C-alpha cells in the first residue's frame, strides 16, 4: 500500500479529489435549497373519531417552481406551485395552473416592493430543513436526502483527505530517500 501511495500520479489524483470533493461538500451544505431532494413532514391527524397519517413533501425543481405532494389514507396528489426565495426565506405563492408566469412576476415585484408582505408569508429554509415561524418544531420539514449526503460524503471526504495526506508524506519521503516520522513510528523504505 505504501509503495502504491508513494507514486506521484496517485498523490496528485488523491489531492485533487480531496480538494474538489471538499469544495463540493461545502457548496452542498451551504446552499439555501436542496434542489431535487424532498423536504418531508409527516403527522397523525384526527378526522372525526379516526386518526390518519398525512405526509407532505416538497421537491424544488428550479428557482421558481416546486412540486408539493400530499399523501393521506392511501391517496396521493401532486401539484406544481410557484414560490419566491429571497436569501434564506421562501414564500409559496400559488398553483402553477392558477397563476400565469406574468402574474407570478407581478407577485415577485410586489414582494420586492413591500418587504413586510414577503416576511409575513415567508418561512426559513436551508439545505436540511424548512422551519416555520411557529413554536411547534414538529411542523419543520426535513430533507433526509441532504442529511444522508452530508454523512456519506463527509466520510468519503475524510478518507480522501487521509489518503491524500499519506500519499503526499510517502511521496516526499520517497523523493528524499529517508524516513519520515508518522505518529510515533518511523516509516522506512
Protein backbone atom coordinates (compact mmCIF):
# COMPACT_ATOMS: atom_id res chain seq x y z
CA UNK A 1 0.00 0.00 0.00
CA UNK A 2 2.86 2.37 0.87
CA UNK A 3 4.51 1.74 -2.50
CA UNK A 4 1.25 2.49 -4.31
CA UNK A 5 0.60 5.67 -2.30
CA UNK A 6 4.15 6.96 -2.85
CA UNK A 7 3.62 7.30 -6.63
CA UNK A 8 3.32 10.87 -7.89
CA UNK A 9 0.22 10.28 -10.03
CA UNK A 10 -1.60 8.66 -7.08
CA UNK A 11 -0.70 11.61 -4.86
CA UNK A 12 -1.90 14.15 -7.44
CA UNK A 13 -5.17 12.31 -8.07
CA UNK A 14 -5.92 11.93 -4.35
CA UNK A 15 -5.13 15.55 -3.56
CA UNK A 16 -7.19 16.85 -6.48
CA UNK A 17 -10.11 14.62 -5.46
CA UNK A 18 -9.78 15.74 -1.82
CA UNK A 19 -9.76 19.46 -2.70
CA UNK A 20 -12.52 19.14 -5.32
CA UNK A 21 -14.59 16.96 -3.00
CA UNK A 22 -14.22 19.45 -0.17
CA UNK A 23 -15.39 22.30 -2.41
CA UNK A 24 -18.42 20.24 -3.49
CA UNK A 25 -19.16 19.26 0.12
CA UNK A 26 -19.04 22.84 1.39
CA UNK A 27 -21.16 24.04 -1.53
CA UNK A 28 -23.79 21.37 -0.96
CA UNK A 29 -24.02 22.11 2.76
CA UNK A 30 -24.10 25.89 2.42
CA UNK A 31 -26.70 26.07 -0.34
CA UNK A 32 -30.05 27.60 0.56
CA UNK A 33 -32.23 24.90 -1.06
CA UNK A 34 -31.66 21.20 -1.74
CA UNK A 35 -32.89 21.08 -5.33
CA UNK A 36 -34.12 17.65 -6.44
CA UNK A 37 -34.33 16.34 -2.87
CA UNK A 38 -37.60 16.09 -0.97
CA UNK A 39 -38.40 18.00 2.21
CA UNK A 40 -40.91 15.91 4.15
CA UNK A 41 -43.31 16.33 7.03
CA UNK A 42 -45.46 13.59 8.47
CA UNK A 43 -48.13 13.82 11.17
CA UNK A 44 -51.08 11.90 12.53
CA UNK A 45 -54.29 13.89 12.20
CA UNK A 46 -57.68 13.23 13.71
CA UNK A 47 -60.58 13.18 11.27
CA UNK A 48 -63.67 12.72 13.38
CA UNK A 49 -63.03 9.66 15.55
CA UNK A 50 -60.43 8.19 13.19
CA UNK A 51 -56.75 9.02 13.06
CA UNK A 52 -54.90 9.07 9.79
CA UNK A 53 -51.32 9.73 8.80
CA UNK A 54 -50.74 12.64 6.47
CA UNK A 55 -47.43 13.22 4.71
CA UNK A 56 -46.48 16.36 2.85
CA UNK A 57 -43.45 16.52 0.57
CA UNK A 58 -41.90 19.50 -1.22
CA UNK A 59 -39.44 18.91 -4.05
CA UNK A 60 -37.87 22.04 -5.51
CA UNK A 61 -37.47 21.79 -9.29
CA UNK A 62 -35.88 25.15 -10.14
CA UNK A 63 -35.69 28.71 -8.87
CA UNK A 64 -39.43 29.36 -9.13
CA UNK A 65 -41.34 26.04 -9.11
CA UNK A 66 -41.81 23.34 -6.52
CA UNK A 67 -43.80 20.08 -6.56
CA UNK A 68 -45.98 19.64 -3.48
CA UNK A 69 -47.21 16.11 -2.79
CA UNK A 70 -49.77 15.30 -0.13
CA UNK A 71 -50.34 11.68 0.82
CA UNK A 72 -53.21 10.67 3.07
CA UNK A 73 -55.23 7.48 3.51
CA UNK A 74 -53.54 5.78 0.58
CA UNK A 75 -54.25 8.60 -1.85
CA UNK A 76 -51.53 10.82 -3.19
CA UNK A 77 -51.85 14.06 -5.09
CA UNK A 78 -49.09 16.22 -6.54
CA UNK A 79 -49.43 19.83 -7.61
CA UNK A 80 -46.88 22.21 -9.06
CA UNK A 81 -46.58 25.53 -7.25
CA UNK A 82 -44.84 28.85 -7.70
CA UNK A 83 -42.51 30.04 -4.95
CA UNK A 84 -40.28 33.02 -4.37
CA UNK A 85 -36.96 32.89 -2.50
CA UNK A 86 -35.10 35.81 -1.04
CA UNK A 87 -31.98 34.92 0.92
CA UNK A 88 -32.77 32.07 3.27
CA UNK A 89 -36.55 32.53 3.16
CA UNK A 90 -39.20 31.31 0.77
CA UNK A 91 -42.88 32.02 0.23
CA UNK A 92 -45.23 29.65 -1.57
CA UNK A 93 -47.43 31.66 -3.90
CA UNK A 94 -49.99 29.69 -5.88
CA UNK A 95 -50.58 26.66 -8.05
CA UNK A 96 -48.95 26.93 -11.47
CA UNK A 97 -52.23 26.18 -13.23
CA UNK A 98 -53.93 29.06 -11.34
CA UNK A 99 -51.24 31.72 -11.91
CA UNK A 100 -49.54 32.66 -15.14
CA UNK A 101 -45.86 33.49 -15.32
CA UNK A 102 -46.71 37.19 -15.73
CA UNK A 103 -48.86 37.09 -12.59
CA UNK A 104 -46.01 35.32 -10.79
CA UNK A 105 -43.58 38.06 -11.88
CA UNK A 106 -46.04 40.72 -10.61
CA UNK A 107 -46.27 38.93 -7.25
CA UNK A 108 -42.47 38.83 -7.04
CA UNK A 109 -42.30 42.57 -7.79
CA UNK A 110 -44.84 43.26 -5.03
CA UNK A 111 -42.71 41.21 -2.60
CA UNK A 112 -39.65 43.22 -3.61
CA UNK A 113 -41.54 46.50 -3.16
CA UNK A 114 -43.10 45.56 0.20
CA UNK A 115 -40.68 43.54 2.36
CA UNK A 116 -43.21 43.13 5.17
CA UNK A 117 -45.60 41.38 2.78
CA UNK A 118 -42.87 38.86 2.00
CA UNK A 119 -41.80 38.49 5.65
CA UNK A 120 -45.39 37.73 6.72
CA UNK A 121 -45.74 34.86 4.27
CA UNK A 122 -42.17 33.51 4.29
CA UNK A 123 -40.58 30.57 6.10
CA UNK A 124 -36.89 29.88 6.73
CA UNK A 125 -35.13 27.31 4.57
CA UNK A 126 -31.71 25.72 4.32
CA UNK A 127 -30.30 22.55 2.77
CA UNK A 128 -31.56 20.43 5.68
CA UNK A 129 -34.96 21.79 6.70
CA UNK A 130 -37.76 24.26 6.25
CA UNK A 131 -38.63 25.93 9.54
CA UNK A 132 -41.94 27.65 10.04
CA UNK A 133 -42.15 30.59 12.45
CA UNK A 134 -44.26 28.60 14.88
CA UNK A 135 -43.44 27.41 18.38
CA UNK A 136 -44.20 23.85 17.24
CA UNK A 137 -40.94 22.41 15.95
CA UNK A 138 -42.88 19.36 14.80
CA UNK A 139 -44.04 21.36 11.77
CA UNK A 140 -40.49 21.58 10.44
CA UNK A 141 -39.95 19.81 7.13
CA UNK A 142 -36.73 17.83 6.99
CA UNK A 143 -34.63 16.95 3.94
CA UNK A 144 -33.39 13.44 4.72
CA UNK A 145 -31.52 13.24 1.40
CA UNK A 146 -29.32 16.19 2.42
CA UNK A 147 -28.61 14.59 5.80
CA UNK A 148 -27.62 11.28 4.18
CA UNK A 149 -25.44 13.13 1.67
CA UNK A 150 -23.72 15.08 4.46
CA UNK A 151 -22.90 11.92 6.41
CA UNK A 152 -21.83 9.73 3.49
CA UNK A 153 -19.85 12.40 1.64
CA UNK A 154 -18.30 13.51 4.94
CA UNK A 155 -16.89 10.00 5.48
CA UNK A 156 -15.69 9.82 1.86
CA UNK A 157 -14.07 13.25 2.16
CA UNK A 158 -12.27 12.30 5.37
CA UNK A 159 -10.92 9.18 3.65
CA UNK A 160 -9.77 11.24 0.64
CA UNK A 161 -8.02 13.74 2.91
CA UNK A 162 -6.36 10.98 4.94
CA UNK A 163 -5.14 9.03 1.91
CA UNK A 164 -4.10 12.23 0.11
CA UNK A 165 -2.04 13.29 3.11
CA UNK A 166 -0.47 9.85 3.47
CA UNK A 167 0.33 9.80 -0.23
CA UNK A 168 1.96 13.23 0.00
CA UNK A 169 4.04 12.14 3.00
CA UNK A 170 5.12 8.88 1.33
CA UNK A 171 5.90 10.66 -1.96
CA UNK A 172 8.05 13.30 -0.24
CA UNK A 173 9.80 10.64 1.81
CA UNK A 174 10.45 8.58 -1.31
CA UNK A 175 11.99 11.61 -3.08
CA UNK A 176 14.30 12.38 -0.17
CA UNK A 177 15.15 8.70 0.31
CA UNK A 178 14.97 8.95 4.08
CA UNK A 179 12.49 8.20 6.78
CA UNK A 180 9.51 10.27 7.76
CA UNK A 181 8.05 10.36 11.26
CA UNK A 182 4.37 9.32 11.11
CA UNK A 183 2.74 9.25 14.56
CA UNK A 184 5.16 7.53 16.93
CA UNK A 185 6.59 5.06 14.43
CA UNK A 186 9.31 5.55 11.85
CA UNK A 187 8.44 4.53 8.30
CA UNK A 188 11.47 3.27 6.38
CA UNK A 189 11.86 2.04 2.83
